[in-house]
């Protein structure tokens, strides 16, 4: 089974951090559907059809786990949060550096899907 890795692409989450996307804080993507109105719409203008092919990986974060993501990533005040089977991770959205993680106690394994 492959280990779970989160890849952040230059121009994608970096822009999420720097631009105003929601009605919360500028640059936040606080929920699965984007803003609190669930518009699933990004105000990003830097990424266009003409330059999207030039996006490159900015950084990656290795979870060390062999499971699926349980949540869609969210970004709040420059921190990207996501949850795997039993662990919640908080990483710097610009550098992919781990800020903290919490693993809940419980049985090993599981279905590994939502």
PDB file of N, CA and C in Angstrom:
ATOM      1  N   UNK A   1       0.850  -1.179   0.000  1.00  0.00           N
ATOM      2  CA  UNK A   1       0.000   0.000   0.000  1.00  0.00           C
ATOM      3  C   UNK A   1       0.895   1.241   0.000  1.00  0.00           C
ATOM      4  N   UNK A   2       0.542   2.250  -0.762  1.00  0.00           N
ATOM      5  CA  UNK A   2       1.341   3.459  -0.850  1.00  0.00           C
ATOM      6  C   UNK A   2       1.141   4.346   0.367  1.00  0.00           C
ATOM      7  N   UNK A   3       2.225   5.004   0.771  1.00  0.00           N
ATOM      8  CA  UNK A   3       2.109   5.963   1.866  1.00  0.00           C
ATOM      9  C   UNK A   3       1.387   7.197   1.367  1.00  0.00           C
ATOM     10  N   UNK A   4       0.666   7.837   2.261  1.00  0.00           N
ATOM     11  CA  UNK A   4      -0.094   9.023   1.923  1.00  0.00           C
ATOM     12  C   UNK A   4       0.832  10.230   1.899  1.00  0.00           C
ATOM     13  N   UNK A   5       0.849  10.943   0.785  1.00  0.00           N
ATOM     14  CA  UNK A   5       1.672  12.138   0.637  1.00  0.00           C
ATOM     15  C   UNK A   5       0.792  13.267   0.158  1.00  0.00           C
ATOM     16  N   UNK A   6       0.979  14.434   0.725  1.00  0.00           N
ATOM     17  CA  UNK A   6       0.251  15.617   0.294  1.00  0.00           C
ATOM     18  C   UNK A   6       1.198  16.457  -0.542  1.00  0.00           C
ATOM     19  N   UNK A   7       0.826  16.731  -1.789  1.00  0.00           N
ATOM     20  CA  UNK A   7       1.620  17.566  -2.669  1.00  0.00           C
ATOM     21  C   UNK A   7       0.941  18.913  -2.813  1.00  0.00           C
ATOM     22  N   UNK A   8       1.699  19.964  -2.649  1.00  0.00           N
ATOM     23  CA  UNK A   8       1.171  21.302  -2.865  1.00  0.00           C
ATOM     24  C   UNK A   8       1.867  21.859  -4.101  1.00  0.00           C
ATOM     25  N   UNK A   9       1.105  22.477  -4.960  1.00  0.00           N
ATOM     26  CA  UNK A   9       1.642  22.958  -6.206  1.00  0.00           C
ATOM     27  C   UNK A   9       1.826  24.468  -6.153  1.00  0.00           C
ATOM     28  N   UNK A  10       2.965  24.918  -6.671  1.00  0.00           N
ATOM     29  CA  UNK A  10       3.249  26.348  -6.735  1.00  0.00           C
ATOM     30  C   UNK A  10       2.110  27.008  -7.480  1.00  0.00           C
ATOM     31  N   UNK A  11       1.651  28.111  -6.969  1.00  0.00           N
ATOM     32  CA  UNK A  11       0.578  28.832  -7.628  1.00  0.00           C
ATOM     33  C   UNK A  11      -0.796  28.379  -7.188  1.00  0.00           C
ATOM     34  N   UNK A  12      -0.914  27.261  -6.492  1.00  0.00           N
ATOM     35  CA  UNK A  12      -2.228  26.793  -6.074  1.00  0.00           C
ATOM     36  C   UNK A  12      -2.437  27.136  -4.604  1.00  0.00           C
ATOM     37  N   UNK A  13      -1.882  26.345  -3.682  1.00  0.00           N
ATOM     38  CA  UNK A  13      -2.099  26.653  -2.275  1.00  0.00           C
ATOM     39  C   UNK A  13      -1.316  27.887  -1.855  1.00  0.00           C
ATOM     40  N   UNK A  14      -0.194  28.164  -2.505  1.00  0.00           N
ATOM     41  CA  UNK A  14       0.507  29.407  -2.223  1.00  0.00           C
ATOM     42  C   UNK A  14      -0.373  30.599  -2.505  1.00  0.00           C
ATOM     43  N   UNK A  15      -1.126  30.536  -3.592  1.00  0.00           N
ATOM     44  CA  UNK A  15      -2.045  31.620  -3.913  1.00  0.00           C
ATOM     45  C   UNK A  15      -3.246  31.619  -2.981  1.00  0.00           C
ATOM     46  N   UNK A  16      -3.677  30.446  -2.550  1.00  0.00           N
ATOM     47  CA  UNK A  16      -4.772  30.397  -1.579  1.00  0.00           C
ATOM     48  C   UNK A  16      -4.389  31.155  -0.317  1.00  0.00           C
ATOM     49  N   UNK A  17      -3.131  31.046   0.059  1.00  0.00           N
ATOM     50  CA  UNK A  17      -2.665  31.698   1.278  1.00  0.00           C
ATOM     51  C   UNK A  17      -2.598  33.207   1.091  1.00  0.00           C
ATOM     52  N   UNK A  18      -2.244  33.664  -0.123  1.00  0.00           N
ATOM     53  CA  UNK A  18      -2.001  35.085  -0.332  1.00  0.00           C
ATOM     54  C   UNK A  18      -3.205  35.874  -0.831  1.00  0.00           C
ATOM     55  N   UNK A  19      -4.258  35.219  -1.292  1.00  0.00           N
ATOM     56  CA  UNK A  19      -5.375  35.954  -1.884  1.00  0.00           C
ATOM     57  C   UNK A  19      -6.634  35.795  -1.055  1.00  0.00           C
ATOM     58  N   UNK A  20      -7.574  36.684  -1.231  1.00  0.00           N
ATOM     59  CA  UNK A  20      -8.830  36.608  -0.498  1.00  0.00           C
ATOM     60  C   UNK A  20      -9.819  35.705  -1.207  1.00  0.00           C
ATOM     61  N   UNK A  21     -10.169  34.582  -0.600  1.00  0.00           N
ATOM     62  CA  UNK A  21     -11.051  33.631  -1.257  1.00  0.00           C
ATOM     63  C   UNK A  21     -12.364  33.432  -0.526  1.00  0.00           C
ATOM     64  N   UNK A  22     -12.471  33.894   0.682  1.00  0.00           N
ATOM     65  CA  UNK A  22     -13.682  33.595   1.439  1.00  0.00           C
ATOM     66  C   UNK A  22     -14.109  34.828   2.202  1.00  0.00           C
ATOM     67  N   UNK A  23     -15.190  34.669   2.917  1.00  0.00           N
ATOM     68  CA  UNK A  23     -15.673  35.769   3.730  1.00  0.00           C
ATOM     69  C   UNK A  23     -15.070  35.714   5.126  1.00  0.00           C
ATOM     70  N   UNK A  24     -14.174  34.789   5.384  1.00  0.00           N
ATOM     71  CA  UNK A  24     -13.496  34.745   6.680  1.00  0.00           C
ATOM     72  C   UNK A  24     -12.256  35.625   6.577  1.00  0.00           C
ATOM     73  N   UNK A  25     -11.085  35.061   6.586  1.00  0.00           N
ATOM     74  CA  UNK A  25      -9.848  35.826   6.460  1.00  0.00           C
ATOM     75  C   UNK A  25      -9.369  35.771   5.017  1.00  0.00           C
ATOM     76  N   UNK A  26      -8.712  36.803   4.541  1.00  0.00           N
ATOM     77  CA  UNK A  26      -8.172  36.759   3.175  1.00  0.00           C
ATOM     78  C   UNK A  26      -7.249  35.546   3.023  1.00  0.00           C
ATOM     79  N   UNK A  27      -7.426  34.800   1.948  1.00  0.00           N
ATOM     80  CA  UNK A  27      -6.591  33.641   1.682  1.00  0.00           C
ATOM     81  C   UNK A  27      -7.084  32.347   2.291  1.00  0.00           C
ATOM     82  N   UNK A  28      -8.123  32.395   3.096  1.00  0.00           N
ATOM     83  CA  UNK A  28      -8.627  31.179   3.734  1.00  0.00           C
ATOM     84  C   UNK A  28      -9.503  30.370   2.772  1.00  0.00           C
ATOM     85  N   UNK A  29      -9.501  29.085   2.954  1.00  0.00           N
ATOM     86  CA  UNK A  29     -10.411  28.143   2.284  1.00  0.00           C
ATOM     87  C   UNK A  29     -10.932  27.281   3.420  1.00  0.00           C
ATOM     88  N   UNK A  30     -11.867  27.820   4.233  1.00  0.00           N
ATOM     89  CA  UNK A  30     -12.204  27.208   5.516  1.00  0.00           C
ATOM     90  C   UNK A  30     -13.110  25.976   5.473  1.00  0.00           C
ATOM     91  N   UNK A  31     -13.540  25.561   4.304  1.00  0.00           N
ATOM     92  CA  UNK A  31     -14.408  24.394   4.245  1.00  0.00           C
ATOM     93  C   UNK A  31     -14.269  23.654   2.936  1.00  0.00           C
ATOM     94  N   UNK A  32     -14.863  22.498   2.884  1.00  0.00           N
ATOM     95  CA  UNK A  32     -14.794  21.651   1.694  1.00  0.00           C
ATOM     96  C   UNK A  32     -15.201  22.396   0.434  1.00  0.00           C
ATOM     97  N   UNK A  33     -16.180  23.244   0.542  1.00  0.00           N
ATOM     98  CA  UNK A  33     -16.700  23.963  -0.626  1.00  0.00           C
ATOM     99  C   UNK A  33     -16.164  25.375  -0.745  1.00  0.00           C
ATOM    100  N   UNK A  34     -15.051  25.653  -0.100  1.00  0.00           N
ATOM    101  CA  UNK A  34     -14.444  26.979  -0.214  1.00  0.00           C
ATOM    102  C   UNK A  34     -14.874  27.905   0.892  1.00  0.00           C
ATOM    103  N   UNK A  35     -15.709  28.873   0.564  1.00  0.00           N
ATOM    104  CA  UNK A  35     -16.122  29.868   1.552  1.00  0.00           C
ATOM    105  C   UNK A  35     -17.331  29.377   2.355  1.00  0.00           C
ATOM    106  N   UNK A  36     -17.793  30.196   3.271  1.00  0.00           N
ATOM    107  CA  UNK A  36     -18.902  29.804   4.134  1.00  0.00           C
ATOM    108  C   UNK A  36     -20.240  29.735   3.388  1.00  0.00           C
ATOM    109  N   UNK A  37     -20.285  30.269   2.172  1.00  0.00           N
ATOM    110  CA  UNK A  37     -21.482  30.153   1.341  1.00  0.00           C
ATOM    111  C   UNK A  37     -21.429  28.923   0.442  1.00  0.00           C
ATOM    112  N   UNK A  38     -20.367  28.151   0.544  1.00  0.00           N
ATOM    113  CA  UNK A  38     -20.162  26.936  -0.260  1.00  0.00           C
ATOM    114  C   UNK A  38     -20.226  27.220  -1.753  1.00  0.00           C
ATOM    115  N   UNK A  39     -19.584  28.298  -2.172  1.00  0.00           N
ATOM    116  CA  UNK A  39     -19.623  28.652  -3.588  1.00  0.00           C
ATOM    117  C   UNK A  39     -18.700  27.788  -4.433  1.00  0.00           C
ATOM    118  N   UNK A  40     -17.719  27.143  -3.824  1.00  0.00           N
ATOM    119  CA  UNK A  40     -16.723  26.353  -4.563  1.00  0.00           C
ATOM    120  C   UNK A  40     -16.097  27.184  -5.664  1.00  0.00           C
ATOM    121  N   UNK A  41     -15.940  28.471  -5.408  1.00  0.00           N
ATOM    122  CA  UNK A  41     -15.403  29.389  -6.396  1.00  0.00           C
ATOM    123  C   UNK A  41     -14.187  30.085  -5.833  1.00  0.00           C
ATOM    124  N   UNK A  42     -13.159  30.135  -6.628  1.00  0.00           N
ATOM    125  CA  UNK A  42     -11.928  30.808  -6.237  1.00  0.00           C
ATOM    126  C   UNK A  42     -11.791  32.110  -7.011  1.00  0.00           C
ATOM    127  N   UNK A  43     -11.372  33.140  -6.331  1.00  0.00           N
ATOM    128  CA  UNK A  43     -11.142  34.428  -6.980  1.00  0.00           C
ATOM    129  C   UNK A  43      -9.746  34.522  -7.580  1.00  0.00           C
ATOM    130  N   UNK A  44      -9.017  33.405  -7.599  1.00  0.00           N
ATOM    131  CA  UNK A  44      -7.668  33.422  -8.139  1.00  0.00           C
ATOM    132  C   UNK A  44      -7.684  33.877  -9.593  1.00  0.00           C
ATOM    133  N   UNK A  45      -6.809  34.802  -9.903  1.00  0.00           N
ATOM    134  CA  UNK A  45      -6.685  35.255 -11.286  1.00  0.00           C
ATOM    135  C   UNK A  45      -5.292  34.978 -11.833  1.00  0.00           C
ATOM    136  N   UNK A  46      -4.344  34.631 -10.964  1.00  0.00           N
ATOM    137  CA  UNK A  46      -2.973  34.383 -11.402  1.00  0.00           C
ATOM    138  C   UNK A  46      -2.849  33.104 -12.217  1.00  0.00           C
ATOM    139  N   UNK A  47      -3.686  32.102 -11.962  1.00  0.00           N
ATOM    140  CA  UNK A  47      -3.643  30.853 -12.708  1.00  0.00           C
ATOM    141  C   UNK A  47      -4.688  30.926 -13.810  1.00  0.00           C
ATOM    142  N   UNK A  48      -4.225  30.809 -15.043  1.00  0.00           N
ATOM    143  CA  UNK A  48      -5.108  30.903 -16.205  1.00  0.00           C
ATOM    144  C   UNK A  48      -4.917  29.676 -17.098  1.00  0.00           C
ATOM    145  N   UNK A  49      -5.766  29.545 -18.105  1.00  0.00           N
ATOM    146  CA  UNK A  49      -5.610  28.456 -19.077  1.00  0.00           C
ATOM    147  C   UNK A  49      -4.248  28.538 -19.758  1.00  0.00           C
ATOM    148  N   UNK A  50      -3.749  29.736 -19.932  1.00  0.00           N
ATOM    149  CA  UNK A  50      -2.480  29.930 -20.634  1.00  0.00           C
ATOM    150  C   UNK A  50      -1.267  29.507 -19.808  1.00  0.00           C
ATOM    151  N   UNK A  51      -1.345  29.607 -18.459  1.00  0.00           N
ATOM    152  CA  UNK A  51      -0.157  29.304 -17.657  1.00  0.00           C
ATOM    153  C   UNK A  51      -0.308  28.107 -16.726  1.00  0.00           C
ATOM    154  N   UNK A  52      -1.455  27.453 -16.707  1.00  0.00           N
ATOM    155  CA  UNK A  52      -1.676  26.350 -15.773  1.00  0.00           C
ATOM    156  C   UNK A  52      -0.698  25.203 -16.019  1.00  0.00           C
ATOM    157  N   UNK A  53      -0.270  24.995 -17.242  1.00  0.00           N
ATOM    158  CA  UNK A  53       0.664  23.902 -17.525  1.00  0.00           C
ATOM    159  C   UNK A  53       2.035  24.166 -16.914  1.00  0.00           C
ATOM    160  N   UNK A  54       2.312  25.393 -16.515  1.00  0.00           N
ATOM    161  CA  UNK A  54       3.599  25.733 -15.914  1.00  0.00           C
ATOM    162  C   UNK A  54       3.649  25.548 -14.408  1.00  0.00           C
ATOM    163  N   UNK A  55       2.542  25.118 -13.782  1.00  0.00           N
ATOM    164  CA  UNK A  55       2.551  24.906 -12.339  1.00  0.00           C
ATOM    165  C   UNK A  55       3.493  23.765 -11.991  1.00  0.00           C
ATOM    166  N   UNK A  56       4.274  23.937 -10.946  1.00  0.00           N
ATOM    167  CA  UNK A  56       5.217  22.919 -10.488  1.00  0.00           C
ATOM    168  C   UNK A  56       5.041  22.723  -8.992  1.00  0.00           C
ATOM    169  N   UNK A  57       5.444  21.554  -8.511  1.00  0.00           N
ATOM    170  CA  UNK A  57       5.349  21.265  -7.078  1.00  0.00           C
ATOM    171  C   UNK A  57       6.186  22.277  -6.293  1.00  0.00           C
ATOM    172  N   UNK A  58       5.580  22.876  -5.286  1.00  0.00           N
ATOM    173  CA  UNK A  58       6.290  23.821  -4.426  1.00  0.00           C
ATOM    174  C   UNK A  58       6.902  23.091  -3.235  1.00  0.00           C
ATOM    175  N   UNK A  59       6.182  22.112  -2.702  1.00  0.00           N
ATOM    176  CA  UNK A  59       6.668  21.348  -1.566  1.00  0.00           C
ATOM    177  C   UNK A  59       5.777  20.125  -1.400  1.00  0.00           C
ATOM    178  N   UNK A  60       6.193  19.203  -0.549  1.00  0.00           N
ATOM    179  CA  UNK A  60       5.363  18.038  -0.244  1.00  0.00           C
ATOM    180  C   UNK A  60       5.537  17.689   1.227  1.00  0.00           C
ATOM    181  N   UNK A  61       4.550  16.999   1.754  1.00  0.00           N
ATOM    182  CA  UNK A  61       4.572  16.584   3.151  1.00  0.00           C
ATOM    183  C   UNK A  61       4.255  15.098   3.198  1.00  0.00           C
ATOM    184  N   UNK A  62       5.136  14.311   3.759  1.00  0.00           N
ATOM    185  CA  UNK A  62       4.958  12.868   3.890  1.00  0.00           C
ATOM    186  C   UNK A  62       4.302  12.572   5.231  1.00  0.00           C
ATOM    187  N   UNK A  63       3.121  11.957   5.194  1.00  0.00           N
ATOM    188  CA  UNK A  63       2.404  11.667   6.431  1.00  0.00           C
ATOM    189  C   UNK A  63       3.008  10.492   7.190  1.00  0.00           C
ATOM    190  N   UNK A  64       3.681   9.590   6.488  1.00  0.00           N
ATOM    191  CA  UNK A  64       4.200   8.393   7.124  1.00  0.00           C
ATOM    192  C   UNK A  64       3.133   7.336   7.359  1.00  0.00           C
ATOM    193  N   UNK A  65       1.930   7.569   6.842  1.00  0.00           N
ATOM    194  CA  UNK A  65       0.812   6.647   7.036  1.00  0.00           C
ATOM    195  C   UNK A  65       0.486   5.938   5.732  1.00  0.00           C
ATOM    196  N   UNK A  66      -0.129   4.787   5.845  1.00  0.00           N
ATOM    197  CA  UNK A  66      -0.594   4.058   4.664  1.00  0.00           C
ATOM    198  C   UNK A  66      -2.118   3.996   4.706  1.00  0.00           C
ATOM    199  N   UNK A  67      -2.732   5.121   4.433  1.00  0.00           N
ATOM    200  CA  UNK A  67      -4.186   5.240   4.480  1.00  0.00           C
ATOM    201  C   UNK A  67      -4.636   6.367   3.574  1.00  0.00           C
ATOM    202  N   UNK A  68      -5.922   6.523   3.421  1.00  0.00           N
ATOM    203  CA  UNK A  68      -6.488   7.572   2.587  1.00  0.00           C
ATOM    204  C   UNK A  68      -6.746   8.828   3.414  1.00  0.00           C
ATOM    205  N   UNK A  69      -6.932   9.947   2.719  1.00  0.00           N
ATOM    206  CA  UNK A  69      -7.371  11.159   3.386  1.00  0.00           C
ATOM    207  C   UNK A  69      -8.827  11.003   3.767  1.00  0.00           C
ATOM    208  N   UNK A  70      -9.203  11.499   4.927  1.00  0.00           N
ATOM    209  CA  UNK A  70     -10.583  11.428   5.388  1.00  0.00           C
ATOM    210  C   UNK A  70     -11.314  12.751   5.169  1.00  0.00           C
ATOM    211  N   UNK A  71     -10.580  13.805   4.891  1.00  0.00           N
ATOM    212  CA  UNK A  71     -11.187  15.120   4.683  1.00  0.00           C
ATOM    213  C   UNK A  71     -10.558  15.776   3.464  1.00  0.00           C
ATOM    214  N   UNK A  72     -11.243  16.767   2.919  1.00  0.00           N
ATOM    215  CA  UNK A  72     -10.620  17.630   1.938  1.00  0.00           C
ATOM    216  C   UNK A  72      -9.777  18.632   2.698  1.00  0.00           C
ATOM    217  N   UNK A  73      -8.644  19.050   2.147  1.00  0.00           N
ATOM    218  CA  UNK A  73      -7.819  20.029   2.865  1.00  0.00           C
ATOM    219  C   UNK A  73      -8.532  21.371   2.988  1.00  0.00           C
ATOM    220  N   UNK A  74      -8.314  22.041   4.102  1.00  0.00           N
ATOM    221  CA  UNK A  74      -8.807  23.406   4.292  1.00  0.00           C
ATOM    222  C   UNK A  74      -7.616  24.281   4.655  1.00  0.00           C
ATOM    223  N   UNK A  75      -7.715  25.565   4.382  1.00  0.00           N
ATOM    224  CA  UNK A  75      -6.649  26.517   4.703  1.00  0.00           C
ATOM    225  C   UNK A  75      -7.252  27.635   5.528  1.00  0.00           C
ATOM    226  N   UNK A  76      -6.680  27.878   6.695  1.00  0.00           N
ATOM    227  CA  UNK A  76      -7.105  28.976   7.567  1.00  0.00           C
ATOM    228  C   UNK A  76      -5.850  29.661   8.094  1.00  0.00           C
ATOM    229  N   UNK A  77      -5.727  30.936   7.825  1.00  0.00           N
ATOM    230  CA  UNK A  77      -4.613  31.766   8.267  1.00  0.00           C
ATOM    231  C   UNK A  77      -3.258  31.127   7.943  1.00  0.00           C
ATOM    232  N   UNK A  78      -3.121  30.635   6.715  1.00  0.00           N
ATOM    233  CA  UNK A  78      -1.847  30.105   6.250  1.00  0.00           C
ATOM    234  C   UNK A  78      -1.515  28.696   6.709  1.00  0.00           C
ATOM    235  N   UNK A  79      -2.457  28.055   7.410  1.00  0.00           N
ATOM    236  CA  UNK A  79      -2.241  26.686   7.875  1.00  0.00           C
ATOM    237  C   UNK A  79      -3.189  25.764   7.123  1.00  0.00           C
ATOM    238  N   UNK A  80      -2.635  24.693   6.555  1.00  0.00           N
ATOM    239  CA  UNK A  80      -3.426  23.705   5.834  1.00  0.00           C
ATOM    240  C   UNK A  80      -3.703  22.536   6.775  1.00  0.00           C
ATOM    241  N   UNK A  81      -4.982  22.185   6.930  1.00  0.00           N
ATOM    242  CA  UNK A  81      -5.407  21.100   7.819  1.00  0.00           C
ATOM    243  C   UNK A  81      -6.011  19.969   6.997  1.00  0.00           C
ATOM    244  N   UNK A  82      -5.692  18.723   7.368  1.00  0.00           N
ATOM    245  CA  UNK A  82      -6.332  17.558   6.754  1.00  0.00           C
ATOM    246  C   UNK A  82      -6.259  16.403   7.740  1.00  0.00           C
ATOM    247  N   UNK A  83      -7.121  15.424   7.533  1.00  0.00           N
ATOM    248  CA  UNK A  83      -7.222  14.285   8.445  1.00  0.00           C
ATOM    249  C   UNK A  83      -7.105  12.995   7.659  1.00  0.00           C
ATOM    250  N   UNK A  84      -6.312  12.064   8.190  1.00  0.00           N
ATOM    251  CA  UNK A  84      -6.232  10.717   7.648  1.00  0.00           C
ATOM    252  C   UNK A  84      -7.103   9.832   8.543  1.00  0.00           C
ATOM    253  N   UNK A  85      -6.917   8.524   8.531  1.00  0.00           N
ATOM    254  CA  UNK A  85      -7.793   7.631   9.287  1.00  0.00           C
ATOM    255  C   UNK A  85      -7.893   8.014  10.757  1.00  0.00           C
ATOM    256  N   UNK A  86      -6.747   8.249  11.414  1.00  0.00           N
ATOM    257  CA  UNK A  86      -6.793   8.549  12.849  1.00  0.00           C
ATOM    258  C   UNK A  86      -5.937   9.741  13.257  1.00  0.00           C
ATOM    259  N   UNK A  87      -5.441  10.513  12.284  1.00  0.00           N
ATOM    260  CA  UNK A  87      -4.537  11.612  12.598  1.00  0.00           C
ATOM    261  C   UNK A  87      -4.959  12.885  11.877  1.00  0.00           C
ATOM    262  N   UNK A  88      -4.954  14.002  12.596  1.00  0.00           N
ATOM    263  CA  UNK A  88      -5.174  15.309  12.005  1.00  0.00           C
ATOM    264  C   UNK A  88      -3.829  16.015  11.924  1.00  0.00           C
ATOM    265  N   UNK A  89      -3.538  16.584  10.754  1.00  0.00           N
ATOM    266  CA  UNK A  89      -2.265  17.253  10.497  1.00  0.00           C
ATOM    267  C   UNK A  89      -2.517  18.739  10.273  1.00  0.00           C
ATOM    268  N   UNK A  90      -1.600  19.562  10.743  1.00  0.00           N
ATOM    269  CA  UNK A  90      -1.608  20.998  10.462  1.00  0.00           C
ATOM    270  C   UNK A  90      -0.228  21.337   9.921  1.00  0.00           C
ATOM    271  N   UNK A  91      -0.185  21.829   8.675  1.00  0.00           N
ATOM    272  CA  UNK A  91       1.107  22.159   8.082  1.00  0.00           C
ATOM    273  C   UNK A  91       1.074  23.578   7.539  1.00  0.00           C
ATOM    274  N   UNK A  92       2.238  24.190   7.482  1.00  0.00           N
ATOM    275  CA  UNK A  92       2.368  25.514   6.902  1.00  0.00           C
ATOM    276  C   UNK A  92       2.063  25.389   5.410  1.00  0.00           C
ATOM    277  N   UNK A  93       1.095  26.144   4.920  1.00  0.00           N
ATOM    278  CA  UNK A  93       0.651  26.013   3.529  1.00  0.00           C
ATOM    279  C   UNK A  93       1.676  26.529   2.535  1.00  0.00           C
ATOM    280  N   UNK A  94       2.649  27.279   2.972  1.00  0.00           N
ATOM    281  CA  UNK A  94       3.669  27.800   2.062  1.00  0.00           C
ATOM    282  C   UNK A  94       4.898  26.916   1.983  1.00  0.00           C
ATOM    283  N   UNK A  95       5.234  26.234   3.085  1.00  0.00           N
ATOM    284  CA  UNK A  95       6.482  25.473   3.143  1.00  0.00           C
ATOM    285  C   UNK A  95       6.288  23.976   3.342  1.00  0.00           C
ATOM    286  N   UNK A  96       5.088  23.554   3.681  1.00  0.00           N
ATOM    287  CA  UNK A  96       4.756  22.152   4.001  1.00  0.00           C
ATOM    288  C   UNK A  96       5.439  21.677   5.288  1.00  0.00           C
ATOM    289  N   UNK A  97       5.896  22.593   6.116  1.00  0.00           N
ATOM    290  CA  UNK A  97       6.491  22.219   7.401  1.00  0.00           C
ATOM    291  C   UNK A  97       5.376  21.857   8.386  1.00  0.00           C
ATOM    292  N   UNK A  98       5.568  20.771   9.115  1.00  0.00           N
ATOM    293  CA  UNK A  98       4.584  20.340  10.109  1.00  0.00           C
ATOM    294  C   UNK A  98       4.514  21.339  11.253  1.00  0.00           C
ATOM    295  N   UNK A  99       3.307  21.794  11.559  1.00  0.00           N
ATOM    296  CA  UNK A  99       3.097  22.650  12.730  1.00  0.00           C
ATOM    297  C   UNK A  99       2.721  21.778  13.919  1.00  0.00           C
ATOM    298  N   UNK A 100       1.781  20.860  13.712  1.00  0.00           N
ATOM    299  CA  UNK A 100       1.410  19.891  14.735  1.00  0.00           C
ATOM    300  C   UNK A 100       0.599  18.780  14.101  1.00  0.00           C
ATOM    301  N   UNK A 101       0.500  17.686  14.827  1.00  0.00           N
ATOM    302  CA  UNK A 101      -0.423  16.627  14.428  1.00  0.00           C
ATOM    303  C   UNK A 101      -0.935  15.946  15.678  1.00  0.00           C
ATOM    304  N   UNK A 102      -2.140  15.399  15.568  1.00  0.00           N
ATOM    305  CA  UNK A 102      -2.764  14.707  16.688  1.00  0.00           C
ATOM    306  C   UNK A 102      -3.318  13.385  16.189  1.00  0.00           C
ATOM    307  N   UNK A 103      -2.931  12.306  16.849  1.00  0.00           N
ATOM    308  CA  UNK A 103      -3.460  10.978  16.522  1.00  0.00           C
ATOM    309  C   UNK A 103      -4.378  10.547  17.642  1.00  0.00           C
ATOM    310  N   UNK A 104      -5.602  10.201  17.272  1.00  0.00           N
ATOM    311  CA  UNK A 104      -6.560   9.763  18.284  1.00  0.00           C
ATOM    312  C   UNK A 104      -6.274   8.314  18.652  1.00  0.00           C
ATOM    313  N   UNK A 105      -6.486   7.961  19.886  1.00  0.00           N
ATOM    314  CA  UNK A 105      -6.332   6.560  20.273  1.00  0.00           C
ATOM    315  C   UNK A 105      -7.477   5.736  19.673  1.00  0.00           C
ATOM    316  N   UNK A 106      -7.183   4.511  19.390  1.00  0.00           N
ATOM    317  CA  UNK A 106      -8.230   3.661  18.843  1.00  0.00           C
ATOM    318  C   UNK A 106      -7.634   2.459  18.157  1.00  0.00           C
ATOM    319  N   UNK A 107      -8.484   1.685  17.523  1.00  0.00           N
ATOM    320  CA  UNK A 107      -7.997   0.474  16.878  1.00  0.00           C
ATOM    321  C   UNK A 107      -7.110   0.801  15.675  1.00  0.00           C
ATOM    322  N   UNK A 108      -6.156  -0.067  15.401  1.00  0.00           N
ATOM    323  CA  UNK A 108      -5.300   0.086  14.220  1.00  0.00           C
ATOM    324  C   UNK A 108      -6.099  -0.269  12.981  1.00  0.00           C
ATOM    325  N   UNK A 109      -5.728   0.322  11.866  1.00  0.00           N
ATOM    326  CA  UNK A 109      -6.351  -0.030  10.592  1.00  0.00           C
ATOM    327  C   UNK A 109      -7.677   0.638  10.395  1.00  0.00           C
ATOM    328  N   UNK A 110      -8.595  -0.066   9.813  1.00  0.00           N
ATOM    329  CA  UNK A 110      -9.903   0.487   9.475  1.00  0.00           C
ATOM    330  C   UNK A 110     -10.108   0.399   7.983  1.00  0.00           C
ATOM    331  N   UNK A 111     -11.165   0.969   7.510  1.00  0.00           N
ATOM    332  CA  UNK A 111     -11.477   0.904   6.091  1.00  0.00           C
ATOM    333  C   UNK A 111     -10.542   1.772   5.262  1.00  0.00           C
ATOM    334  N   UNK A 112     -10.018   2.836   5.843  1.00  0.00           N
ATOM    335  CA  UNK A 112      -9.103   3.708   5.122  1.00  0.00           C
ATOM    336  C   UNK A 112      -9.786   4.589   4.088  1.00  0.00           C
ATOM    337  N   UNK A 113     -11.105   4.713   4.154  1.00  0.00           N
ATOM    338  CA  UNK A 113     -11.836   5.579   3.240  1.00  0.00           C
ATOM    339  C   UNK A 113     -12.903   6.330   4.047  1.00  0.00           C
ATOM    340  N   UNK A 114     -13.511   7.337   3.423  1.00  0.00           N
ATOM    341  CA  UNK A 114     -14.566   8.085   4.109  1.00  0.00           C
ATOM    342  C   UNK A 114     -15.724   7.186   4.454  1.00  0.00           C
TER     343      UNK A 114
END
